[in-house]
Structure formats: structure tokens, C-alpha cells
Amino acid sequence: MITEIFTAVALVLILEGMLPFISPRKYRQMVAEIARLGDNQIRNIGLVIMVIGVVVLFIVRG
């Protein structure tokens, strides 16, 4: 169980680090755009991403 959690965290870190590594300029622009969004917009984006993650998890693990 703990191994799967650490594996998941490691994969998230790898995926999150890919964009700034590959294209730092695009990453900087994306962060600036996100900073201009309102709290509700950011919250809605986070919710959509979580739902997509849950769906993918159920498909892969189901």
C-alpha cells in the first residue's frame, strides 16, 4: 500500500516537472495566465482535473 502511494507521488512529481524542464518559457507564460484567473475559475479547473483523474484511475484499476 505505501509503495503504491510513493509511486503515485513520484509519478506526479515527474509529470509536473516535465513542462518546466522541456519549455521553461511556456511554463512561465502558463503560470502568469493562471495568476490572472479568479479563485472560482481555478477551483473549477482543479475540480475538473480531479474528476478526470478519478475516471482514469477507475478505468486503469477497474
N, C-alpha and C. Protein backbone atom coordinates (compact mmCIF):
# COMPACT_ATOMS: atom_id res chain seq x y z
N MET A 1 0.82 -1.20 0.00
CA MET A 1 0.00 0.00 0.00
C MET A 1 0.86 1.26 0.00
N ILE A 2 1.81 1.35 0.91
CA ILE A 2 2.66 2.55 0.99
C ILE A 2 3.52 2.69 -0.26
N THR A 3 3.91 1.56 -0.84
CA THR A 3 4.71 1.59 -2.07
C THR A 3 3.92 2.22 -3.20
N GLU A 4 2.64 1.90 -3.31
CA GLU A 4 1.80 2.48 -4.36
C GLU A 4 1.63 3.97 -4.18
N ILE A 5 1.51 4.41 -2.93
CA ILE A 5 1.36 5.85 -2.66
C ILE A 5 2.62 6.59 -3.07
N PHE A 6 3.78 6.07 -2.69
CA PHE A 6 5.03 6.72 -3.06
C PHE A 6 5.25 6.68 -4.57
N THR A 7 4.83 5.60 -5.20
CA THR A 7 4.93 5.50 -6.66
C THR A 7 4.06 6.57 -7.32
N ALA A 8 2.85 6.74 -6.82
CA ALA A 8 1.94 7.75 -7.36
C ALA A 8 2.52 9.15 -7.18
N VAL A 9 3.05 9.44 -6.00
CA VAL A 9 3.64 10.75 -5.73
C VAL A 9 4.84 10.98 -6.65
N ALA A 10 5.66 9.96 -6.82
CA ALA A 10 6.83 10.09 -7.70
C ALA A 10 6.41 10.37 -9.14
N LEU A 11 5.37 9.69 -9.62
CA LEU A 11 4.89 9.92 -10.98
C LEU A 11 4.32 11.33 -11.13
N VAL A 12 3.61 11.81 -10.13
CA VAL A 12 3.10 13.19 -10.18
C VAL A 12 4.26 14.17 -10.27
N LEU A 13 5.29 13.97 -9.47
CA LEU A 13 6.44 14.87 -9.50
C LEU A 13 7.15 14.84 -10.85
N ILE A 14 7.28 13.67 -11.42
CA ILE A 14 7.90 13.54 -12.74
C ILE A 14 7.08 14.29 -13.78
N LEU A 15 5.77 14.06 -13.80
CA LEU A 15 4.91 14.71 -14.78
C LEU A 15 4.86 16.22 -14.58
N GLU A 16 4.81 16.67 -13.33
CA GLU A 16 4.78 18.11 -13.05
C GLU A 16 6.09 18.79 -13.43
N GLY A 17 7.17 18.06 -13.37
CA GLY A 17 8.47 18.64 -13.69
C GLY A 17 8.80 18.66 -15.17
N MET A 18 8.03 17.94 -15.97
CA MET A 18 8.35 17.83 -17.40
C MET A 18 8.20 19.16 -18.14
N LEU A 19 7.10 19.87 -17.94
CA LEU A 19 6.87 21.11 -18.69
C LEU A 19 7.93 22.18 -18.38
N PRO A 20 8.22 22.48 -17.10
CA PRO A 20 9.26 23.49 -16.87
C PRO A 20 10.63 23.05 -17.38
N PHE A 21 10.88 21.75 -17.41
CA PHE A 21 12.17 21.27 -17.92
C PHE A 21 12.24 21.40 -19.43
N ILE A 22 11.17 20.99 -20.12
CA ILE A 22 11.16 20.99 -21.58
C ILE A 22 11.00 22.39 -22.15
N SER A 23 10.12 23.19 -21.55
CA SER A 23 9.82 24.51 -22.10
C SER A 23 9.61 25.53 -20.98
N PRO A 24 10.68 26.05 -20.41
CA PRO A 24 10.52 26.98 -19.29
C PRO A 24 9.76 28.26 -19.67
N ARG A 25 9.91 28.72 -20.90
CA ARG A 25 9.22 29.94 -21.32
C ARG A 25 7.70 29.72 -21.34
N LYS A 26 7.26 28.59 -21.92
CA LYS A 26 5.83 28.27 -21.95
C LYS A 26 5.30 28.08 -20.53
N TYR A 27 6.09 27.46 -19.68
CA TYR A 27 5.68 27.24 -18.30
C TYR A 27 5.47 28.57 -17.59
N ARG A 28 6.39 29.49 -17.77
CA ARG A 28 6.28 30.82 -17.16
C ARG A 28 5.03 31.54 -17.65
N GLN A 29 4.74 31.44 -18.95
CA GLN A 29 3.53 32.07 -19.51
C GLN A 29 2.28 31.44 -18.92
N MET A 30 2.28 30.12 -18.79
CA MET A 30 1.12 29.42 -18.25
C MET A 30 0.86 29.83 -16.80
N VAL A 31 1.92 29.94 -16.00
CA VAL A 31 1.77 30.34 -14.61
C VAL A 31 1.24 31.76 -14.52
N ALA A 32 1.71 32.65 -15.41
CA ALA A 32 1.22 34.02 -15.42
C ALA A 32 -0.27 34.07 -15.78
N GLU A 33 -0.69 33.25 -16.71
CA GLU A 33 -2.11 33.18 -17.08
C GLU A 33 -2.95 32.67 -15.92
N ILE A 34 -2.47 31.66 -15.24
CA ILE A 34 -3.20 31.11 -14.09
C ILE A 34 -3.33 32.16 -12.99
N ALA A 35 -2.29 32.97 -12.80
CA ALA A 35 -2.30 34.01 -11.77
C ALA A 35 -3.38 35.05 -12.04
N ARG A 36 -3.76 35.22 -13.30
CA ARG A 36 -4.78 36.20 -13.66
C ARG A 36 -6.21 35.68 -13.48
N LEU A 37 -6.36 34.37 -13.31
CA LEU A 37 -7.70 33.79 -13.15
C LEU A 37 -8.24 34.06 -11.75
N GLY A 38 -9.55 34.06 -11.64
CA GLY A 38 -10.19 34.21 -10.34
C GLY A 38 -10.15 32.90 -9.56
N ASP A 39 -10.43 33.01 -8.27
CA ASP A 39 -10.40 31.83 -7.40
C ASP A 39 -11.39 30.76 -7.87
N ASN A 40 -12.59 31.18 -8.24
CA ASN A 40 -13.59 30.20 -8.68
C ASN A 40 -13.18 29.49 -9.96
N GLN A 41 -12.55 30.20 -10.88
CA GLN A 41 -12.08 29.57 -12.11
C GLN A 41 -11.00 28.53 -11.81
N ILE A 42 -10.08 28.89 -10.94
CA ILE A 42 -9.01 27.96 -10.57
C ILE A 42 -9.60 26.75 -9.84
N ARG A 43 -10.57 27.00 -8.97
CA ARG A 43 -11.22 25.91 -8.24
C ARG A 43 -11.93 24.97 -9.21
N ASN A 44 -12.63 25.53 -10.20
CA ASN A 44 -13.32 24.70 -11.19
C ASN A 44 -12.35 23.88 -12.02
N ILE A 45 -11.23 24.48 -12.40
CA ILE A 45 -10.21 23.75 -13.15
C ILE A 45 -9.68 22.59 -12.30
N GLY A 46 -9.41 22.86 -11.03
CA GLY A 46 -8.94 21.81 -10.13
C GLY A 46 -9.94 20.68 -10.00
N LEU A 47 -11.22 21.03 -9.90
CA LEU A 47 -12.27 20.01 -9.80
C LEU A 47 -12.32 19.15 -11.06
N VAL A 48 -12.26 19.77 -12.22
CA VAL A 48 -12.29 19.02 -13.48
C VAL A 48 -11.08 18.08 -13.56
N ILE A 49 -9.92 18.56 -13.19
CA ILE A 49 -8.71 17.73 -13.23
C ILE A 49 -8.85 16.55 -12.28
N MET A 50 -9.39 16.79 -11.08
CA MET A 50 -9.58 15.69 -10.13
C MET A 50 -10.56 14.66 -10.65
N VAL A 51 -11.66 15.12 -11.24
CA VAL A 51 -12.65 14.19 -11.78
C VAL A 51 -12.04 13.35 -12.90
N ILE A 52 -11.28 14.00 -13.79
CA ILE A 52 -10.60 13.26 -14.86
C ILE A 52 -9.66 12.22 -14.25
N GLY A 53 -8.93 12.61 -13.21
CA GLY A 53 -8.03 11.68 -12.55
C GLY A 53 -8.74 10.49 -11.95
N VAL A 54 -9.88 10.72 -11.32
CA VAL A 54 -10.66 9.63 -10.72
C VAL A 54 -11.18 8.70 -11.81
N VAL A 55 -11.68 9.26 -12.90
CA VAL A 55 -12.17 8.44 -14.01
C VAL A 55 -11.05 7.59 -14.58
N VAL A 56 -9.90 8.19 -14.84
CA VAL A 56 -8.76 7.44 -15.37
C VAL A 56 -8.34 6.35 -14.38
N LEU A 57 -8.33 6.67 -13.10
CA LEU A 57 -7.96 5.69 -12.08
C LEU A 57 -8.92 4.50 -12.09
N PHE A 58 -10.21 4.77 -12.19
CA PHE A 58 -11.18 3.68 -12.22
C PHE A 58 -11.02 2.83 -13.47
N ILE A 59 -10.73 3.48 -14.60
CA ILE A 59 -10.53 2.73 -15.84
C ILE A 59 -9.29 1.84 -15.74
N VAL A 60 -8.21 2.40 -15.23
CA VAL A 60 -6.94 1.65 -15.16
C VAL A 60 -7.00 0.55 -14.10
N ARG A 61 -7.58 0.86 -12.96
CA ARG A 61 -7.59 -0.10 -11.85
C ARG A 61 -8.82 -1.01 -11.85
N GLY A 62 -9.83 -0.68 -12.68
CA GLY A 62 -11.08 -1.42 -12.66
C GLY A 62 -11.02 -2.59 -13.57
